[in-house]
Amino acid sequence: MSEITVSRKRSLYGRSFSGQERENRMIKKIKIAVTITFVVVALILAKHFFNQRFDSVEALQEYMKGFGLAAPFLLTAFQAFQVVVPVLPGYLGCAAGAIAFGAGAGFWCNYIGISAGSIIAYFLARKYGVKIVLSLFPGHQYEKWSSKIENSKSFDWFLFIATLLPLFPDDLLCYLSGLLKMNSKKFIWIIILGKPWCILAYSIVFGMI
């Protein structure tokens, strides 16, 4: 995993101590602001949710229709957000989208949102380096998957297979792809071709509820 190691060393030692401190404070403030925003939005949505009677899937769908044309865009934006700032598992958004909008529309909202968030995460890692990754993920998780990638013969195929299957930490792998400075076109194509299948499976399963 030489590229990530090099990136990490440059990030840690290539700047002055004061520069590192400023960057650490900035990332910490961003993380706190994002967390507070997420909690506030979650509480507002929860209040609306519990004020309703959702005794059927149709009732939930009618509630979501109350947001009008903004409803699918809100789901898409949420799915992108939860990749960039991994707070909740992605399958929860997939379930919500499929139940609220049906398998077809829910799939497209989830697919576009998750793919967009994956690409944003990749470019954030390329720009800000290992510090942003360590600020969003536990250090032991970073070390674990860095080691797995280092031992893999081809990271391109490893990433593609990871996007096809559930239970892989896709969000972290997108950030690690940016640290590796993987070819951006190759990364985007892997996301476009690999992401839809697992999301489609979730959409079909939850759409049947």
N, C-alpha and C. Protein backbone atom coordinates (compact mmCIF):
# COMPACT_ATOMS: atom_id res chain seq x y z
N MET A 1 0.84 -1.20 0.00
CA MET A 1 0.00 0.00 0.00
C MET A 1 0.87 1.24 0.00
N SER A 2 1.82 1.27 -0.90
CA SER A 2 2.85 2.30 -0.86
C SER A 2 2.28 3.68 -1.12
N GLU A 3 1.28 3.77 -2.03
CA GLU A 3 0.73 5.09 -2.35
C GLU A 3 0.06 5.72 -1.14
N ILE A 4 -0.71 4.92 -0.40
CA ILE A 4 -1.38 5.46 0.79
C ILE A 4 -0.36 5.82 1.85
N THR A 5 0.69 4.98 1.98
CA THR A 5 1.74 5.27 2.95
C THR A 5 2.45 6.57 2.61
N VAL A 6 2.75 6.75 1.33
CA VAL A 6 3.40 7.99 0.89
C VAL A 6 2.48 9.17 1.15
N SER A 7 1.21 9.01 0.81
CA SER A 7 0.25 10.09 1.02
C SER A 7 0.17 10.46 2.48
N ARG A 8 0.17 9.43 3.33
CA ARG A 8 0.07 9.68 4.76
C ARG A 8 1.29 10.43 5.28
N LYS A 9 2.47 10.02 4.82
CA LYS A 9 3.69 10.69 5.28
C LYS A 9 3.72 12.14 4.82
N ARG A 10 3.30 12.37 3.57
CA ARG A 10 3.29 13.74 3.08
C ARG A 10 2.32 14.59 3.88
N SER A 11 1.17 13.98 4.21
CA SER A 11 0.16 14.72 4.95
C SER A 11 0.65 15.05 6.35
N LEU A 12 1.35 14.11 6.97
CA LEU A 12 1.77 14.29 8.35
C LEU A 12 3.04 15.13 8.49
N TYR A 13 3.94 14.99 7.53
CA TYR A 13 5.24 15.64 7.69
C TYR A 13 5.53 16.73 6.66
N GLY A 14 4.70 16.83 5.64
CA GLY A 14 4.97 17.80 4.59
C GLY A 14 4.54 19.20 4.93
N ARG A 15 3.82 19.39 6.05
CA ARG A 15 3.36 20.70 6.43
C ARG A 15 3.97 21.07 7.77
N SER A 16 3.93 22.36 8.10
CA SER A 16 4.40 22.79 9.41
C SER A 16 3.43 22.32 10.47
N PHE A 17 3.90 22.30 11.72
CA PHE A 17 3.05 21.86 12.82
C PHE A 17 1.83 22.75 12.95
N SER A 18 2.03 24.07 12.81
CA SER A 18 0.90 25.00 12.93
C SER A 18 -0.10 24.77 11.81
N GLY A 19 0.39 24.44 10.61
CA GLY A 19 -0.52 24.17 9.50
C GLY A 19 -1.36 22.94 9.76
N GLN A 20 -0.74 21.91 10.34
CA GLN A 20 -1.47 20.69 10.70
C GLN A 20 -2.54 20.99 11.74
N GLU A 21 -2.18 21.83 12.73
CA GLU A 21 -3.14 22.17 13.77
C GLU A 21 -4.34 22.91 13.20
N ARG A 22 -4.10 23.84 12.30
CA ARG A 22 -5.20 24.59 11.68
C ARG A 22 -6.10 23.65 10.90
N GLU A 23 -5.50 22.71 10.16
CA GLU A 23 -6.28 21.77 9.36
C GLU A 23 -7.09 20.84 10.26
N ASN A 24 -6.47 20.40 11.37
CA ASN A 24 -7.20 19.55 12.31
C ASN A 24 -8.40 20.27 12.90
N ARG A 25 -8.21 21.54 13.26
CA ARG A 25 -9.31 22.32 13.83
C ARG A 25 -10.42 22.52 12.81
N MET A 26 -10.02 22.78 11.55
CA MET A 26 -11.00 23.00 10.50
C MET A 26 -11.84 21.74 10.27
N ILE A 27 -11.17 20.58 10.16
CA ILE A 27 -11.88 19.33 9.94
C ILE A 27 -12.79 19.02 11.12
N LYS A 28 -12.32 19.29 12.33
CA LYS A 28 -13.13 19.03 13.51
C LYS A 28 -14.37 19.90 13.51
N LYS A 29 -14.22 21.19 13.15
CA LYS A 29 -15.36 22.09 13.11
C LYS A 29 -16.37 21.66 12.04
N ILE A 30 -15.85 21.23 10.88
CA ILE A 30 -16.74 20.77 9.81
C ILE A 30 -17.51 19.55 10.27
N LYS A 31 -16.82 18.62 10.91
CA LYS A 31 -17.46 17.40 11.37
C LYS A 31 -18.54 17.70 12.41
N ILE A 32 -18.25 18.62 13.34
CA ILE A 32 -19.22 19.00 14.36
C ILE A 32 -20.43 19.67 13.72
N ALA A 33 -20.17 20.58 12.76
CA ALA A 33 -21.27 21.28 12.09
C ALA A 33 -22.15 20.32 11.32
N VAL A 34 -21.52 19.36 10.62
CA VAL A 34 -22.29 18.37 9.85
C VAL A 34 -23.11 17.50 10.79
N THR A 35 -22.51 17.08 11.91
CA THR A 35 -23.22 16.23 12.87
C THR A 35 -24.42 16.96 13.45
N ILE A 36 -24.22 18.23 13.85
CA ILE A 36 -25.33 19.02 14.41
C ILE A 36 -26.44 19.19 13.39
N THR A 37 -26.06 19.49 12.14
CA THR A 37 -27.06 19.65 11.08
C THR A 37 -27.84 18.37 10.88
N PHE A 38 -27.12 17.26 10.85
CA PHE A 38 -27.78 15.96 10.65
C PHE A 38 -28.75 15.67 11.79
N VAL A 39 -28.35 15.92 13.04
CA VAL A 39 -29.22 15.65 14.19
C VAL A 39 -30.47 16.52 14.14
N VAL A 40 -30.29 17.81 13.81
CA VAL A 40 -31.43 18.73 13.74
C VAL A 40 -32.42 18.28 12.67
N VAL A 41 -31.89 17.96 11.48
CA VAL A 41 -32.76 17.50 10.39
C VAL A 41 -33.45 16.20 10.77
N ALA A 42 -32.71 15.28 11.41
CA ALA A 42 -33.30 14.00 11.82
C ALA A 42 -34.42 14.21 12.83
N LEU A 43 -34.22 15.15 13.78
CA LEU A 43 -35.25 15.42 14.78
C LEU A 43 -36.50 16.03 14.14
N ILE A 44 -36.29 16.93 13.17
CA ILE A 44 -37.43 17.54 12.47
C ILE A 44 -38.22 16.48 11.72
N LEU A 45 -37.49 15.61 11.00
CA LEU A 45 -38.16 14.55 10.25
C LEU A 45 -38.85 13.57 11.19
N ALA A 46 -38.21 13.28 12.32
CA ALA A 46 -38.81 12.36 13.28
C ALA A 46 -40.11 12.94 13.84
N LYS A 47 -40.09 14.25 14.10
CA LYS A 47 -41.32 14.91 14.61
C LYS A 47 -42.45 14.77 13.60
N HIS A 48 -42.13 15.06 12.33
CA HIS A 48 -43.14 14.90 11.29
C HIS A 48 -43.59 13.45 11.19
N PHE A 49 -42.62 12.56 11.31
CA PHE A 49 -42.91 11.13 11.16
C PHE A 49 -43.88 10.64 12.24
N PHE A 50 -43.58 10.97 13.50
CA PHE A 50 -44.38 10.45 14.60
C PHE A 50 -45.71 11.19 14.76
N ASN A 51 -45.85 12.32 14.08
CA ASN A 51 -47.14 13.01 14.09
C ASN A 51 -48.11 12.40 13.08
N GLN A 52 -47.61 11.49 12.25
CA GLN A 52 -48.44 10.84 11.25
C GLN A 52 -48.83 9.43 11.71
N ARG A 53 -49.83 8.89 11.04
CA ARG A 53 -50.20 7.49 11.29
C ARG A 53 -49.81 6.68 10.07
N PHE A 54 -48.73 5.92 10.19
CA PHE A 54 -48.27 5.10 9.08
C PHE A 54 -48.69 3.64 9.35
N ASP A 55 -49.96 3.37 9.06
CA ASP A 55 -50.44 2.02 9.29
C ASP A 55 -50.41 1.17 8.03
N SER A 56 -49.80 1.73 6.94
CA SER A 56 -49.66 0.97 5.70
C SER A 56 -48.59 1.62 4.85
N VAL A 57 -48.09 0.86 3.87
CA VAL A 57 -47.11 1.42 2.93
C VAL A 57 -47.72 2.58 2.16
N GLU A 58 -49.01 2.46 1.83
CA GLU A 58 -49.69 3.52 1.08
C GLU A 58 -49.70 4.83 1.87
N ALA A 59 -49.86 4.73 3.20
CA ALA A 59 -49.87 5.93 4.04
C ALA A 59 -48.51 6.63 4.00
N LEU A 60 -47.43 5.84 4.04
CA LEU A 60 -46.10 6.42 3.95
C LEU A 60 -45.88 7.06 2.58
N GLN A 61 -46.34 6.39 1.53
CA GLN A 61 -46.19 6.94 0.19
C GLN A 61 -46.95 8.25 0.03
N GLU A 62 -48.13 8.32 0.60
CA GLU A 62 -48.91 9.55 0.54
C GLU A 62 -48.22 10.68 1.29
N TYR A 63 -47.61 10.32 2.43
CA TYR A 63 -46.87 11.33 3.20
C TYR A 63 -45.70 11.89 2.40
N MET A 64 -44.95 11.00 1.74
CA MET A 64 -43.81 11.43 0.94
C MET A 64 -44.26 12.31 -0.23
N LYS A 65 -45.44 12.01 -0.77
CA LYS A 65 -45.95 12.82 -1.88
C LYS A 65 -46.22 14.25 -1.44
N GLY A 66 -46.41 14.44 -0.13
CA GLY A 66 -46.64 15.78 0.40
C GLY A 66 -45.47 16.72 0.18
N PHE A 67 -44.29 16.15 -0.02
CA PHE A 67 -43.11 16.98 -0.30
C PHE A 67 -43.06 17.39 -1.77
N GLY A 68 -43.97 16.85 -2.57
CA GLY A 68 -44.03 17.23 -3.99
C GLY A 68 -42.82 16.75 -4.76
N LEU A 69 -42.42 17.58 -5.74
CA LEU A 69 -41.29 17.22 -6.59
C LEU A 69 -39.97 17.17 -5.83
N ALA A 70 -39.96 17.78 -4.65
CA ALA A 70 -38.71 17.81 -3.87
C ALA A 70 -38.40 16.46 -3.23
N ALA A 71 -39.40 15.60 -3.06
CA ALA A 71 -39.22 14.35 -2.33
C ALA A 71 -38.10 13.48 -2.90
N PRO A 72 -38.11 13.14 -4.20
CA PRO A 72 -37.02 12.29 -4.72
C PRO A 72 -35.66 12.98 -4.66
N PHE A 73 -35.65 14.31 -4.80
CA PHE A 73 -34.37 15.04 -4.72
C PHE A 73 -33.82 15.00 -3.29
N LEU A 74 -34.72 15.05 -2.31
CA LEU A 74 -34.28 14.96 -0.91
C LEU A 74 -33.66 13.60 -0.64
N LEU A 75 -34.28 12.55 -1.14
CA LEU A 75 -33.71 11.21 -0.95
C LEU A 75 -32.36 11.08 -1.65
N THR A 76 -32.27 11.59 -2.88
CA THR A 76 -31.01 11.52 -3.63
C THR A 76 -29.91 12.27 -2.90
N ALA A 77 -30.23 13.48 -2.41
CA ALA A 77 -29.24 14.28 -1.68
C ALA A 77 -28.82 13.58 -0.38
N PHE A 78 -29.79 12.98 0.31
CA PHE A 78 -29.48 12.27 1.55
C PHE A 78 -28.53 11.11 1.29
N GLN A 79 -28.79 10.35 0.23
CA GLN A 79 -27.94 9.20 -0.09
C GLN A 79 -26.52 9.64 -0.44
N ALA A 80 -26.39 10.75 -1.14
CA ALA A 80 -25.06 11.29 -1.44
C ALA A 80 -24.37 11.72 -0.15
N PHE A 81 -25.11 12.38 0.71
CA PHE A 81 -24.57 12.90 1.96
C PHE A 81 -24.06 11.77 2.85
N GLN A 82 -24.86 10.67 2.95
CA GLN A 82 -24.48 9.60 3.87
C GLN A 82 -23.27 8.80 3.38
N VAL A 83 -22.89 8.97 2.12
CA VAL A 83 -21.63 8.37 1.64
C VAL A 83 -20.46 9.27 2.03
N VAL A 84 -20.62 10.57 1.82
CA VAL A 84 -19.54 11.52 2.13
C VAL A 84 -19.29 11.59 3.63
N VAL A 85 -20.36 11.62 4.40
CA VAL A 85 -20.26 11.61 5.87
C VAL A 85 -20.99 10.37 6.36
N PRO A 86 -20.27 9.25 6.53
CA PRO A 86 -20.91 7.96 6.83
C PRO A 86 -21.48 7.92 8.24
N VAL A 87 -22.73 8.30 8.36
CA VAL A 87 -23.41 8.29 9.65
C VAL A 87 -24.32 7.08 9.78
N LEU A 88 -25.04 6.76 8.70
CA LEU A 88 -25.98 5.64 8.70
C LEU A 88 -25.62 4.67 7.58
N PRO A 89 -25.97 3.39 7.74
CA PRO A 89 -25.75 2.42 6.65
C PRO A 89 -26.57 2.80 5.43
N GLY A 90 -25.98 2.65 4.24
CA GLY A 90 -26.65 3.03 3.01
C GLY A 90 -27.92 2.28 2.73
N TYR A 91 -28.01 1.03 3.23
CA TYR A 91 -29.20 0.23 2.91
C TYR A 91 -30.46 0.81 3.54
N LEU A 92 -30.31 1.62 4.62
CA LEU A 92 -31.49 2.23 5.22
C LEU A 92 -32.14 3.22 4.26
N GLY A 93 -31.31 4.00 3.57
CA GLY A 93 -31.84 4.91 2.56
C GLY A 93 -32.45 4.16 1.40
N CYS A 94 -31.81 3.05 1.02
CA CYS A 94 -32.35 2.22 -0.07
C CYS A 94 -33.71 1.68 0.31
N ALA A 95 -33.85 1.24 1.56
CA ALA A 95 -35.14 0.72 2.03
C ALA A 95 -36.19 1.81 2.02
N ALA A 96 -35.83 2.99 2.55
CA ALA A 96 -36.79 4.10 2.60
C ALA A 96 -37.23 4.51 1.21
N GLY A 97 -36.28 4.57 0.28
CA GLY A 97 -36.61 4.98 -1.09
C GLY A 97 -37.51 4.00 -1.79
N ALA A 98 -37.22 2.70 -1.63
CA ALA A 98 -38.03 1.68 -2.29
C ALA A 98 -39.44 1.62 -1.73
N ILE A 99 -39.55 1.77 -0.40
CA ILE A 99 -40.86 1.71 0.23
C ILE A 99 -41.69 2.95 -0.13
N ALA A 100 -41.05 4.12 -0.12
CA ALA A 100 -41.77 5.36 -0.35
C ALA A 100 -42.11 5.59 -1.82
N PHE A 101 -41.19 5.24 -2.73
CA PHE A 101 -41.37 5.57 -4.15
C PHE A 101 -41.57 4.36 -5.05
N GLY A 102 -41.44 3.16 -4.48
CA GLY A 102 -41.51 1.96 -5.30
C GLY A 102 -40.12 1.54 -5.75
N ALA A 103 -40.02 0.31 -6.24
CA ALA A 103 -38.71 -0.24 -6.60
C ALA A 103 -38.02 0.57 -7.69
N GLY A 104 -38.76 0.99 -8.73
CA GLY A 104 -38.15 1.67 -9.87
C GLY A 104 -37.63 3.05 -9.53
N ALA A 105 -38.52 3.94 -9.07
CA ALA A 105 -38.12 5.31 -8.74
C ALA A 105 -37.15 5.33 -7.57
N GLY A 106 -37.40 4.45 -6.57
CA GLY A 106 -36.49 4.39 -5.43
C GLY A 106 -35.09 3.99 -5.85
N PHE A 107 -35.00 3.03 -6.79
CA PHE A 107 -33.69 2.60 -7.28
C PHE A 107 -32.92 3.76 -7.88
N TRP A 108 -33.56 4.54 -8.76
CA TRP A 108 -32.85 5.63 -9.44
C TRP A 108 -32.40 6.71 -8.46
N CYS A 109 -33.24 7.03 -7.49
CA CYS A 109 -32.83 8.02 -6.48
C CYS A 109 -31.62 7.52 -5.70
N ASN A 110 -31.69 6.26 -5.27
CA ASN A 110 -30.59 5.69 -4.49
C ASN A 110 -29.31 5.55 -5.32
N TYR A 111 -29.45 5.09 -6.54
CA TYR A 111 -28.29 4.87 -7.41
C TYR A 111 -27.58 6.18 -7.72
N ILE A 112 -28.35 7.18 -8.13
CA ILE A 112 -27.74 8.48 -8.46
C ILE A 112 -27.11 9.11 -7.23
N GLY A 113 -27.81 9.06 -6.09
CA GLY A 113 -27.28 9.68 -4.87
C GLY A 113 -26.03 9.00 -4.37
N ILE A 114 -26.05 7.67 -4.29
CA ILE A 114 -24.89 6.93 -3.78
C ILE A 114 -23.70 7.07 -4.73
N SER A 115 -23.95 7.03 -6.03
CA SER A 115 -22.86 7.18 -7.00
C SER A 115 -22.24 8.57 -6.91
N ALA A 116 -23.09 9.59 -6.80
CA ALA A 116 -22.58 10.96 -6.68
C ALA A 116 -21.77 11.12 -5.40
N GLY A 117 -22.27 10.58 -4.29
CA GLY A 117 -21.53 10.67 -3.03
C GLY A 117 -20.20 9.94 -3.09
N SER A 118 -20.16 8.80 -3.77
CA SER A 118 -18.93 8.03 -3.92
C SER A 118 -17.86 8.83 -4.68
N ILE A 119 -18.30 9.49 -5.74
CA ILE A 119 -17.37 10.28 -6.55
C ILE A 119 -16.88 11.50 -5.77
N ILE A 120 -17.78 12.14 -5.01
CA ILE A 120 -17.38 13.28 -4.18
C ILE A 120 -16.35 12.83 -3.14
N ALA A 121 -16.59 11.67 -2.49
CA ALA A 121 -15.65 11.16 -1.49
C ALA A 121 -14.27 10.92 -2.10
N TYR A 122 -14.25 10.36 -3.29
CA TYR A 122 -12.99 10.10 -3.99
C TYR A 122 -12.18 11.39 -4.18
N PHE A 123 -12.85 12.43 -4.67
CA PHE A 123 -12.13 13.68 -4.94
C PHE A 123 -11.77 14.43 -3.66
N LEU A 124 -12.57 14.28 -2.60
CA LEU A 124 -12.20 14.88 -1.31
C LEU A 124 -10.91 14.25 -0.79
N ALA A 125 -10.79 12.92 -0.92
CA ALA A 125 -9.57 12.25 -0.46
C ALA A 125 -8.37 12.66 -1.29
N ARG A 126 -8.56 12.81 -2.59
CA ARG A 126 -7.45 13.25 -3.44
C ARG A 126 -6.97 14.65 -3.05
N LYS A 127 -7.91 15.51 -2.67
CA LYS A 127 -7.55 16.90 -2.36
C LYS A 127 -6.98 17.05 -0.95
N TYR A 128 -7.61 16.40 0.04
CA TYR A 128 -7.26 16.65 1.44
C TYR A 128 -6.41 15.54 2.07
N GLY A 129 -6.25 14.42 1.39
CA GLY A 129 -5.35 13.39 1.88
C GLY A 129 -5.89 12.57 3.03
N VAL A 130 -4.99 11.90 3.73
CA VAL A 130 -5.36 10.91 4.74
C VAL A 130 -6.05 11.54 5.94
N LYS A 131 -5.83 12.81 6.20
CA LYS A 131 -6.41 13.44 7.38
C LYS A 131 -7.92 13.42 7.36
N ILE A 132 -8.50 13.69 6.19
CA ILE A 132 -9.96 13.70 6.12
C ILE A 132 -10.51 12.29 6.31
N VAL A 133 -9.77 11.28 5.85
CA VAL A 133 -10.20 9.90 6.01
C VAL A 133 -10.17 9.52 7.49
N LEU A 134 -9.09 9.86 8.19
CA LEU A 134 -8.97 9.52 9.60
C LEU A 134 -9.94 10.32 10.47
N SER A 135 -10.42 11.46 9.95
CA SER A 135 -11.40 12.24 10.70
C SER A 135 -12.81 11.67 10.58
N LEU A 136 -13.04 10.85 9.56
CA LEU A 136 -14.37 10.29 9.31
C LEU A 136 -14.50 8.83 9.69
N PHE A 137 -13.36 8.11 9.72
CA PHE A 137 -13.39 6.68 10.00
C PHE A 137 -12.44 6.35 11.15
N PRO A 138 -12.77 5.32 11.93
CA PRO A 138 -11.85 4.91 13.01
C PRO A 138 -10.50 4.47 12.45
N GLY A 139 -9.45 4.77 13.19
CA GLY A 139 -8.11 4.43 12.73
C GLY A 139 -7.93 2.94 12.48
N HIS A 140 -8.52 2.10 13.34
CA HIS A 140 -8.36 0.65 13.17
C HIS A 140 -9.03 0.17 11.89
N GLN A 141 -10.14 0.81 11.52
CA GLN A 141 -10.82 0.43 10.28
C GLN A 141 -9.98 0.83 9.08
N TYR A 142 -9.37 2.01 9.16
CA TYR A 142 -8.48 2.48 8.09
C TYR A 142 -7.31 1.51 7.92
N GLU A 143 -6.67 1.14 9.04
CA GLU A 143 -5.52 0.25 8.97
C GLU A 143 -5.92 -1.13 8.44
N LYS A 144 -7.06 -1.63 8.86
CA LYS A 144 -7.52 -2.95 8.45
C LYS A 144 -7.70 -3.02 6.94
N TRP A 145 -8.41 -2.05 6.38
CA TRP A 145 -8.70 -2.11 4.95
C TRP A 145 -7.52 -1.65 4.10
N SER A 146 -6.68 -0.80 4.65
CA SER A 146 -5.43 -0.46 3.95
C SER A 146 -4.58 -1.70 3.77
N SER A 147 -4.52 -2.52 4.82
CA SER A 147 -3.74 -3.76 4.76
C SER A 147 -4.33 -4.73 3.74
N LYS A 148 -5.67 -4.84 3.72
CA LYS A 148 -6.31 -5.73 2.76
C LYS A 148 -6.02 -5.29 1.33
N ILE A 149 -6.07 -3.99 1.10
CA ILE A 149 -5.81 -3.47 -0.24
C ILE A 149 -4.35 -3.69 -0.62
N GLU A 150 -3.47 -3.53 0.36
CA GLU A 150 -2.04 -3.73 0.09
C GLU A 150 -1.76 -5.16 -0.33
N ASN A 151 -2.52 -6.11 0.23
CA ASN A 151 -2.30 -7.52 -0.09
C ASN A 151 -3.06 -8.00 -1.31
N SER A 152 -3.93 -7.15 -1.84
CA SER A 152 -4.68 -7.54 -3.04
C SER A 152 -3.81 -7.36 -4.28
N LYS A 153 -3.96 -8.26 -5.23
CA LYS A 153 -3.12 -8.19 -6.43
C LYS A 153 -3.56 -7.08 -7.36
N SER A 154 -4.85 -6.78 -7.37
CA SER A 154 -5.35 -5.72 -8.24
C SER A 154 -6.44 -4.96 -7.51
N PHE A 155 -6.15 -3.72 -7.12
CA PHE A 155 -7.13 -2.93 -6.39
C PHE A 155 -8.34 -2.61 -7.27
N ASP A 156 -8.14 -2.47 -8.57
CA ASP A 156 -9.25 -2.17 -9.48
C ASP A 156 -10.34 -3.24 -9.37
N TRP A 157 -9.92 -4.51 -9.45
CA TRP A 157 -10.87 -5.61 -9.37
C TRP A 157 -11.44 -5.74 -7.96
N PHE A 158 -10.60 -5.51 -6.97
CA PHE A 158 -11.06 -5.55 -5.58
C PHE A 158 -12.17 -4.53 -5.35
N LEU A 159 -11.98 -3.31 -5.85
CA LEU A 159 -12.99 -2.26 -5.69
C LEU A 159 -14.27 -2.61 -6.44
N PHE A 160 -14.12 -3.14 -7.66
CA PHE A 160 -15.30 -3.49 -8.46
C PHE A 160 -16.14 -4.56 -7.76
N ILE A 161 -15.47 -5.60 -7.25
CA ILE A 161 -16.17 -6.67 -6.55
C ILE A 161 -16.83 -6.14 -5.28
N ALA A 162 -16.14 -5.22 -4.59
CA ALA A 162 -16.69 -4.64 -3.36
C ALA A 162 -17.95 -3.84 -3.63
N THR A 163 -18.01 -3.17 -4.78
CA THR A 163 -19.21 -2.40 -5.11
C THR A 163 -20.36 -3.30 -5.51
N LEU A 164 -20.06 -4.51 -5.95
CA LEU A 164 -21.10 -5.45 -6.36
C LEU A 164 -21.79 -6.11 -5.16
N LEU A 165 -21.04 -6.29 -4.08
CA LEU A 165 -21.52 -7.11 -2.97
C LEU A 165 -21.88 -6.24 -1.77
N PRO A 166 -22.86 -6.69 -0.97
CA PRO A 166 -23.19 -5.96 0.27
C PRO A 166 -22.14 -6.22 1.34
N LEU A 167 -22.22 -5.45 2.41
CA LEU A 167 -21.41 -5.61 3.62
C LEU A 167 -19.98 -5.11 3.49
N PHE A 168 -19.54 -4.73 2.31
CA PHE A 168 -18.22 -4.10 2.19
C PHE A 168 -18.32 -2.63 2.60
N PRO A 169 -17.26 -2.07 3.19
CA PRO A 169 -17.28 -0.64 3.56
C PRO A 169 -17.03 0.23 2.33
N ASP A 170 -18.03 0.31 1.46
CA ASP A 170 -17.86 1.02 0.18
C ASP A 170 -17.42 2.47 0.37
N ASP A 171 -17.97 3.13 1.40
CA ASP A 171 -17.65 4.54 1.62
C ASP A 171 -16.15 4.71 1.86
N LEU A 172 -15.60 3.89 2.74
CA LEU A 172 -14.17 3.96 3.04
C LEU A 172 -13.34 3.63 1.81
N LEU A 173 -13.76 2.63 1.04
CA LEU A 173 -13.00 2.25 -0.15
C LEU A 173 -12.98 3.36 -1.19
N CYS A 174 -14.04 4.16 -1.25
CA CYS A 174 -14.03 5.31 -2.17
C CYS A 174 -12.98 6.33 -1.74
N TYR A 175 -12.90 6.57 -0.44
CA TYR A 175 -11.87 7.49 0.07
C TYR A 175 -10.47 6.92 -0.16
N LEU A 176 -10.30 5.61 0.07
CA LEU A 176 -8.99 5.00 -0.15
C LEU A 176 -8.59 5.06 -1.63
N SER A 177 -9.58 4.98 -2.51
CA SER A 177 -9.28 5.11 -3.95
C SER A 177 -8.71 6.47 -4.26
N GLY A 178 -9.24 7.51 -3.58
CA GLY A 178 -8.70 8.85 -3.76
C GLY A 178 -7.30 8.98 -3.21
N LEU A 179 -7.03 8.34 -2.07
CA LEU A 179 -5.67 8.37 -1.51
C LEU A 179 -4.68 7.71 -2.43
N LEU A 180 -5.12 6.63 -3.09
CA LEU A 180 -4.25 5.92 -4.03
C LEU A 180 -4.03 6.70 -5.32
N LYS A 181 -4.82 7.78 -5.47
CA LYS A 181 -4.81 8.56 -6.71
C LYS A 181 -5.08 7.66 -7.92
N MET A 182 -6.04 6.78 -7.74
CA MET A 182 -6.50 5.92 -8.81
C MET A 182 -7.01 6.78 -9.95
N ASN A 183 -6.83 6.33 -11.17
CA ASN A 183 -7.31 7.07 -12.33
C ASN A 183 -8.78 7.42 -12.16
N SER A 184 -9.11 8.71 -12.26
CA SER A 184 -10.47 9.16 -11.96
C SER A 184 -11.51 8.57 -12.91
N LYS A 185 -11.18 8.47 -14.20
CA LYS A 185 -12.14 7.90 -15.15
C LYS A 185 -12.41 6.44 -14.83
N LYS A 186 -11.35 5.71 -14.48
CA LYS A 186 -11.51 4.29 -14.14
C LYS A 186 -12.38 4.15 -12.89
N PHE A 187 -12.13 5.00 -11.89
CA PHE A 187 -12.91 4.95 -10.67
C PHE A 187 -14.38 5.23 -10.95
N ILE A 188 -14.67 6.27 -11.71
CA ILE A 188 -16.06 6.63 -12.02
C ILE A 188 -16.77 5.51 -12.76
N TRP A 189 -16.07 4.87 -13.70
CA TRP A 189 -16.68 3.77 -14.45
C TRP A 189 -16.96 2.57 -13.54
N ILE A 190 -16.06 2.30 -12.59
CA ILE A 190 -16.28 1.21 -11.65
C ILE A 190 -17.54 1.49 -10.82
N ILE A 191 -17.69 2.73 -10.38
CA ILE A 191 -18.87 3.10 -9.60
C ILE A 191 -20.13 2.98 -10.45
N ILE A 192 -20.09 3.49 -11.66
CA ILE A 192 -21.28 3.47 -12.53
C ILE A 192 -21.70 2.04 -12.85
N LEU A 193 -20.72 1.18 -13.13
CA LEU A 193 -21.03 -0.20 -13.53
C LEU A 193 -21.23 -1.14 -12.35
N GLY A 194 -20.60 -0.86 -11.22
CA GLY A 194 -20.66 -1.78 -10.10
C GLY A 194 -21.75 -1.48 -9.09
N LYS A 195 -22.10 -0.22 -8.92
CA LYS A 195 -23.04 0.16 -7.87
C LYS A 195 -24.48 -0.31 -8.09
N PRO A 196 -25.00 -0.31 -9.31
CA PRO A 196 -26.45 -0.51 -9.44
C PRO A 196 -26.96 -1.86 -8.98
N TRP A 197 -26.15 -2.92 -9.02
CA TRP A 197 -26.69 -4.26 -8.82
C TRP A 197 -27.13 -4.51 -7.38
N CYS A 198 -26.31 -4.15 -6.44
CA CYS A 198 -26.68 -4.32 -5.04
C CYS A 198 -27.84 -3.39 -4.68
N ILE A 199 -27.80 -2.16 -5.18
CA ILE A 199 -28.88 -1.21 -4.93
C ILE A 199 -30.18 -1.71 -5.55
N LEU A 200 -30.08 -2.29 -6.74
CA LEU A 200 -31.27 -2.84 -7.41
C LEU A 200 -31.87 -3.99 -6.59
N ALA A 201 -31.00 -4.83 -6.04
CA ALA A 201 -31.49 -5.94 -5.22
C ALA A 201 -32.22 -5.42 -3.98
N TYR A 202 -31.62 -4.42 -3.30
CA TYR A 202 -32.29 -3.81 -2.15
C TYR A 202 -33.63 -3.22 -2.57
N SER A 203 -33.65 -2.52 -3.69
CA SER A 203 -34.86 -1.84 -4.16
C SER A 203 -35.98 -2.84 -4.45
N ILE A 204 -35.62 -3.95 -5.09
CA ILE A 204 -36.65 -4.97 -5.41
C ILE A 204 -37.19 -5.59 -4.13
N VAL A 205 -36.27 -5.95 -3.22
CA VAL A 205 -36.71 -6.61 -1.96
C VAL A 205 -37.59 -5.69 -1.14
N PHE A 206 -37.11 -4.46 -0.90
CA PHE A 206 -37.88 -3.54 -0.06
C PHE A 206 -39.10 -2.99 -0.80
N GLY A 207 -39.03 -2.95 -2.13
CA GLY A 207 -40.18 -2.49 -2.90
C GLY A 207 -41.35 -3.45 -2.83
N MET A 208 -41.09 -4.70 -2.44
CA MET A 208 -42.15 -5.70 -2.33
C MET A 208 -42.88 -5.62 -0.99
N ILE A 209 -42.35 -4.80 -0.07
CA ILE A 209 -42.99 -4.69 1.25
C ILE A 209 -44.34 -3.97 1.13
